[in-house]
Amino acid sequence: MSWFCTVRDFWTFVRQRKQFVLAPILILLILMALFILLAEIPVLTPFIYAIF
């Protein structure tokens, strides 16, 4: 199962159950994954470390 399918299934669950409180969890997980991927690029690493 791909990552996109997992996100799509989670979003379908949130919509069907009307539990939009869970939507920020999905957004946070996507942002964390993006941050981890950007941290792997050596050129961007000094800029990420400067933020923290």
PDB file of N, CA and C in Angstrom:
ATOM      1  N   MET A   1       0.848  -1.168   0.000  1.00  0.00           N
ATOM      2  CA  MET A   1       0.000   0.000   0.000  1.00  0.00           C
ATOM      3  C   MET A   1       0.896   1.234   0.000  1.00  0.00           C
ATOM      4  N   SER A   2       0.604   2.150  -0.843  1.00  0.00           N
ATOM      5  CA  SER A   2       1.438   3.343  -0.942  1.00  0.00           C
ATOM      6  C   SER A   2       1.041   4.369   0.118  1.00  0.00           C
ATOM      7  N   TRP A   3       1.910   5.327   0.291  1.00  0.00           N
ATOM      8  CA  TRP A   3       1.688   6.397   1.266  1.00  0.00           C
ATOM      9  C   TRP A   3       0.456   7.206   0.909  1.00  0.00           C
ATOM     10  N   PHE A   4       0.266   7.463  -0.382  1.00  0.00           N
ATOM     11  CA  PHE A   4      -0.883   8.247  -0.823  1.00  0.00           C
ATOM     12  C   PHE A   4      -2.193   7.531  -0.501  1.00  0.00           C
ATOM     13  N   CYS A   5      -2.225   6.226  -0.659  1.00  0.00           N
ATOM     14  CA  CYS A   5      -3.435   5.459  -0.346  1.00  0.00           C
ATOM     15  C   CYS A   5      -3.760   5.546   1.148  1.00  0.00           C
ATOM     16  N   THR A   6      -2.741   5.527   1.970  1.00  0.00           N
ATOM     17  CA  THR A   6      -2.949   5.628   3.412  1.00  0.00           C
ATOM     18  C   THR A   6      -3.550   6.973   3.769  1.00  0.00           C
ATOM     19  N   VAL A   7      -3.011   8.038   3.202  1.00  0.00           N
ATOM     20  CA  VAL A   7      -3.534   9.381   3.463  1.00  0.00           C
ATOM     21  C   VAL A   7      -4.964   9.499   2.947  1.00  0.00           C
ATOM     22  N   ARG A   8      -5.218   8.956   1.773  1.00  0.00           N
ATOM     23  CA  ARG A   8      -6.565   9.013   1.201  1.00  0.00           C
ATOM     24  C   ARG A   8      -7.552   8.239   2.069  1.00  0.00           C
ATOM     25  N   ASP A   9      -7.155   7.075   2.562  1.00  0.00           N
ATOM     26  CA  ASP A   9      -8.032   6.294   3.429  1.00  0.00           C
ATOM     27  C   ASP A   9      -8.316   7.018   4.738  1.00  0.00           C
ATOM     28  N   PHE A  10      -7.299   7.647   5.290  1.00  0.00           N
ATOM     29  CA  PHE A  10      -7.493   8.398   6.536  1.00  0.00           C
ATOM     30  C   PHE A  10      -8.452   9.558   6.311  1.00  0.00           C
ATOM     31  N   TRP A  11      -8.277  10.285   5.207  1.00  0.00           N
ATOM     32  CA  TRP A  11      -9.155  11.420   4.920  1.00  0.00           C
ATOM     33  C   TRP A  11     -10.593  10.954   4.675  1.00  0.00           C
ATOM     34  N   THR A  12     -10.764   9.815   4.019  1.00  0.00           N
ATOM     35  CA  THR A  12     -12.100   9.249   3.815  1.00  0.00           C
ATOM     36  C   THR A  12     -12.739   8.896   5.153  1.00  0.00           C
ATOM     37  N   PHE A  13     -11.964   8.329   6.046  1.00  0.00           N
ATOM     38  CA  PHE A  13     -12.457   8.012   7.384  1.00  0.00           C
ATOM     39  C   PHE A  13     -12.909   9.270   8.109  1.00  0.00           C
ATOM     40  N   VAL A  14     -12.108  10.328   8.033  1.00  0.00           N
ATOM     41  CA  VAL A  14     -12.444  11.592   8.708  1.00  0.00           C
ATOM     42  C   VAL A  14     -13.739  12.165   8.134  1.00  0.00           C
ATOM     43  N   ARG A  15     -13.895  12.142   6.830  1.00  0.00           N
ATOM     44  CA  ARG A  15     -15.100  12.695   6.208  1.00  0.00           C
ATOM     45  C   ARG A  15     -16.337  11.884   6.540  1.00  0.00           C
ATOM     46  N   GLN A  16     -16.239  10.567   6.490  1.00  0.00           N
ATOM     47  CA  GLN A  16     -17.411   9.723   6.729  1.00  0.00           C
ATOM     48  C   GLN A  16     -17.870   9.773   8.180  1.00  0.00           C
ATOM     49  N   ARG A  17     -16.930   9.835   9.087  1.00  0.00           N
ATOM     50  CA  ARG A  17     -17.276   9.834  10.511  1.00  0.00           C
ATOM     51  C   ARG A  17     -17.531  11.244  11.046  1.00  0.00           C
ATOM     52  N   LYS A  18     -17.332  12.256  10.207  1.00  0.00           N
ATOM     53  CA  LYS A  18     -17.517  13.657  10.604  1.00  0.00           C
ATOM     54  C   LYS A  18     -16.634  14.029  11.804  1.00  0.00           C
ATOM     55  N   GLN A  19     -15.425  13.501  11.824  1.00  0.00           N
ATOM     56  CA  GLN A  19     -14.478  13.784  12.894  1.00  0.00           C
ATOM     57  C   GLN A  19     -13.361  14.678  12.347  1.00  0.00           C
ATOM     58  N   PHE A  20     -13.710  15.905  12.075  1.00  0.00           N
ATOM     59  CA  PHE A  20     -12.742  16.825  11.482  1.00  0.00           C
ATOM     60  C   PHE A  20     -11.679  17.275  12.476  1.00  0.00           C
ATOM     61  N   VAL A  21     -11.823  16.865  13.718  1.00  0.00           N
ATOM     62  CA  VAL A  21     -10.787  17.139  14.711  1.00  0.00           C
ATOM     63  C   VAL A  21      -9.504  16.395  14.343  1.00  0.00           C
ATOM     64  N   LEU A  22      -9.644  15.289  13.634  1.00  0.00           N
ATOM     65  CA  LEU A  22      -8.481  14.495  13.245  1.00  0.00           C
ATOM     66  C   LEU A  22      -7.722  15.085  12.056  1.00  0.00           C
ATOM     67  N   ALA A  23      -8.309  16.039  11.362  1.00  0.00           N
ATOM     68  CA  ALA A  23      -7.657  16.639  10.196  1.00  0.00           C
ATOM     69  C   ALA A  23      -6.321  17.304  10.544  1.00  0.00           C
ATOM     70  N   PRO A  24      -6.208  18.035  11.656  1.00  0.00           N
ATOM     71  CA  PRO A  24      -4.891  18.606  11.995  1.00  0.00           C
ATOM     72  C   PRO A  24      -3.804  17.562  12.196  1.00  0.00           C
ATOM     73  N   ILE A  25      -4.185  16.371  12.640  1.00  0.00           N
ATOM     74  CA  ILE A  25      -3.199  15.293  12.786  1.00  0.00           C
ATOM     75  C   ILE A  25      -2.631  14.931  11.420  1.00  0.00           C
ATOM     76  N   LEU A  26      -3.504  14.832  10.438  1.00  0.00           N
ATOM     77  CA  LEU A  26      -3.065  14.519   9.083  1.00  0.00           C
ATOM     78  C   LEU A  26      -2.158  15.615   8.537  1.00  0.00           C
ATOM     79  N   ILE A  27      -2.528  16.846   8.754  1.00  0.00           N
ATOM     80  CA  ILE A  27      -1.715  17.968   8.278  1.00  0.00           C
ATOM     81  C   ILE A  27      -0.357  17.966   8.960  1.00  0.00           C
ATOM     82  N   LEU A  28      -0.336  17.721  10.258  1.00  0.00           N
ATOM     83  CA  LEU A  28       0.923  17.683  10.998  1.00  0.00           C
ATOM     84  C   LEU A  28       1.828  16.558  10.520  1.00  0.00           C
ATOM     85  N   LEU A  29       1.252  15.399  10.254  1.00  0.00           N
ATOM     86  CA  LEU A  29       2.048  14.276   9.761  1.00  0.00           C
ATOM     87  C   LEU A  29       2.647  14.574   8.391  1.00  0.00           C
ATOM     88  N   ILE A  30       1.880  15.212   7.532  1.00  0.00           N
ATOM     89  CA  ILE A  30       2.395  15.574   6.208  1.00  0.00           C
ATOM     90  C   ILE A  30       3.512  16.592   6.328  1.00  0.00           C
ATOM     91  N   LEU A  31       3.343  17.592   7.188  1.00  0.00           N
ATOM     92  CA  LEU A  31       4.397  18.601   7.372  1.00  0.00           C
ATOM     93  C   LEU A  31       5.666  17.997   7.967  1.00  0.00           C
ATOM     94  N   MET A  32       5.516  17.072   8.900  1.00  0.00           N
ATOM     95  CA  MET A  32       6.689  16.422   9.476  1.00  0.00           C
ATOM     96  C   MET A  32       7.422  15.582   8.439  1.00  0.00           C
ATOM     97  N   ALA A  33       6.672  14.885   7.602  1.00  0.00           N
ATOM     98  CA  ALA A  33       7.296  14.081   6.546  1.00  0.00           C
ATOM     99  C   ALA A  33       8.042  14.985   5.566  1.00  0.00           C
ATOM    100  N   LEU A  34       7.441  16.102   5.213  1.00  0.00           N
ATOM    101  CA  LEU A  34       8.092  17.049   4.307  1.00  0.00           C
ATOM    102  C   LEU A  34       9.361  17.616   4.940  1.00  0.00           C
ATOM    103  N   PHE A  35       9.286  17.925   6.221  1.00  0.00           N
ATOM    104  CA  PHE A  35      10.448  18.458   6.930  1.00  0.00           C
ATOM    105  C   PHE A  35      11.586  17.436   6.960  1.00  0.00           C
ATOM    106  N   ILE A  36      11.263  16.187   7.198  1.00  0.00           N
ATOM    107  CA  ILE A  36      12.287  15.136   7.229  1.00  0.00           C
ATOM    108  C   ILE A  36      12.916  14.958   5.851  1.00  0.00           C
ATOM    109  N   LEU A  37      12.098  15.010   4.822  1.00  0.00           N
ATOM    110  CA  LEU A  37      12.643  14.882   3.467  1.00  0.00           C
ATOM    111  C   LEU A  37      13.555  16.064   3.119  1.00  0.00           C
ATOM    112  N   LEU A  38      13.164  17.257   3.530  1.00  0.00           N
ATOM    113  CA  LEU A  38      14.004  18.425   3.257  1.00  0.00           C
ATOM    114  C   LEU A  38      15.297  18.383   4.070  1.00  0.00           C
ATOM    115  N   ALA A  39      15.252  17.800   5.251  1.00  0.00           N
ATOM    116  CA  ALA A  39      16.450  17.702   6.088  1.00  0.00           C
ATOM    117  C   ALA A  39      17.483  16.751   5.491  1.00  0.00           C
ATOM    118  N   GLU A  40      17.056  15.882   4.603  1.00  0.00           N
ATOM    119  CA  GLU A  40      17.977  14.932   3.975  1.00  0.00           C
ATOM    120  C   GLU A  40      18.794  15.569   2.859  1.00  0.00           C
ATOM    121  N   ILE A  41      18.381  16.713   2.382  1.00  0.00           N
ATOM    122  CA  ILE A  41      19.101  17.388   1.301  1.00  0.00           C
ATOM    123  C   ILE A  41      20.233  18.207   1.924  1.00  0.00           C
ATOM    124  N   PRO A  42      21.484  17.878   1.610  1.00  0.00           N
ATOM    125  CA  PRO A  42      22.619  18.535   2.267  1.00  0.00           C
ATOM    126  C   PRO A  42      22.675  20.050   2.069  1.00  0.00           C
ATOM    127  N   VAL A  43      22.200  20.538   0.947  1.00  0.00           N
ATOM    128  CA  VAL A  43      22.268  21.976   0.690  1.00  0.00           C
ATOM    129  C   VAL A  43      21.325  22.744   1.619  1.00  0.00           C
ATOM    130  N   LEU A  44      20.197  22.154   1.962  1.00  0.00           N
ATOM    131  CA  LEU A  44      19.203  22.831   2.792  1.00  0.00           C
ATOM    132  C   LEU A  44      19.419  22.644   4.288  1.00  0.00           C
ATOM    133  N   THR A  45      20.276  21.728   4.672  1.00  0.00           N
ATOM    134  CA  THR A  45      20.479  21.417   6.081  1.00  0.00           C
ATOM    135  C   THR A  45      20.900  22.623   6.913  1.00  0.00           C
ATOM    136  N   PRO A  46      21.852  23.473   6.490  1.00  0.00           N
ATOM    137  CA  PRO A  46      22.209  24.635   7.321  1.00  0.00           C
ATOM    138  C   PRO A  46      21.034  25.590   7.551  1.00  0.00           C
ATOM    139  N   PHE A  47      20.161  25.730   6.593  1.00  0.00           N
ATOM    140  CA  PHE A  47      19.009  26.614   6.757  1.00  0.00           C
ATOM    141  C   PHE A  47      18.015  26.047   7.749  1.00  0.00           C
ATOM    142  N   ILE A  48      17.831  24.738   7.749  1.00  0.00           N
ATOM    143  CA  ILE A  48      16.921  24.111   8.700  1.00  0.00           C
ATOM    144  C   ILE A  48      17.478  24.201  10.118  1.00  0.00           C
ATOM    145  N   TYR A  49      18.787  24.004  10.272  1.00  0.00           N
ATOM    146  CA  TYR A  49      19.386  24.115  11.582  1.00  0.00           C
ATOM    147  C   TYR A  49      19.323  25.556  12.100  1.00  0.00           C
ATOM    148  N   ALA A  50      19.371  26.506  11.205  1.00  0.00           N
ATOM    149  CA  ALA A  50      19.294  27.913  11.616  1.00  0.00           C
ATOM    150  C   ALA A  50      17.913  28.260  12.159  1.00  0.00           C
ATOM    151  N   ILE A  51      16.894  27.579  11.703  1.00  0.00           N
ATOM    152  CA  ILE A  51      15.537  27.837  12.196  1.00  0.00           C
ATOM    153  C   ILE A  51      15.421  27.454  13.663  1.00  0.00           C
ATOM    154  N   PHE A  52      16.083  26.360  14.036  1.00  0.00           N
ATOM    155  CA  PHE A  52      15.983  25.879  15.421  1.00  0.00           C
ATOM    156  C   PHE A  52      17.200  26.281  16.202  1.00  0.00           C
TER     157      PHE A  52
END
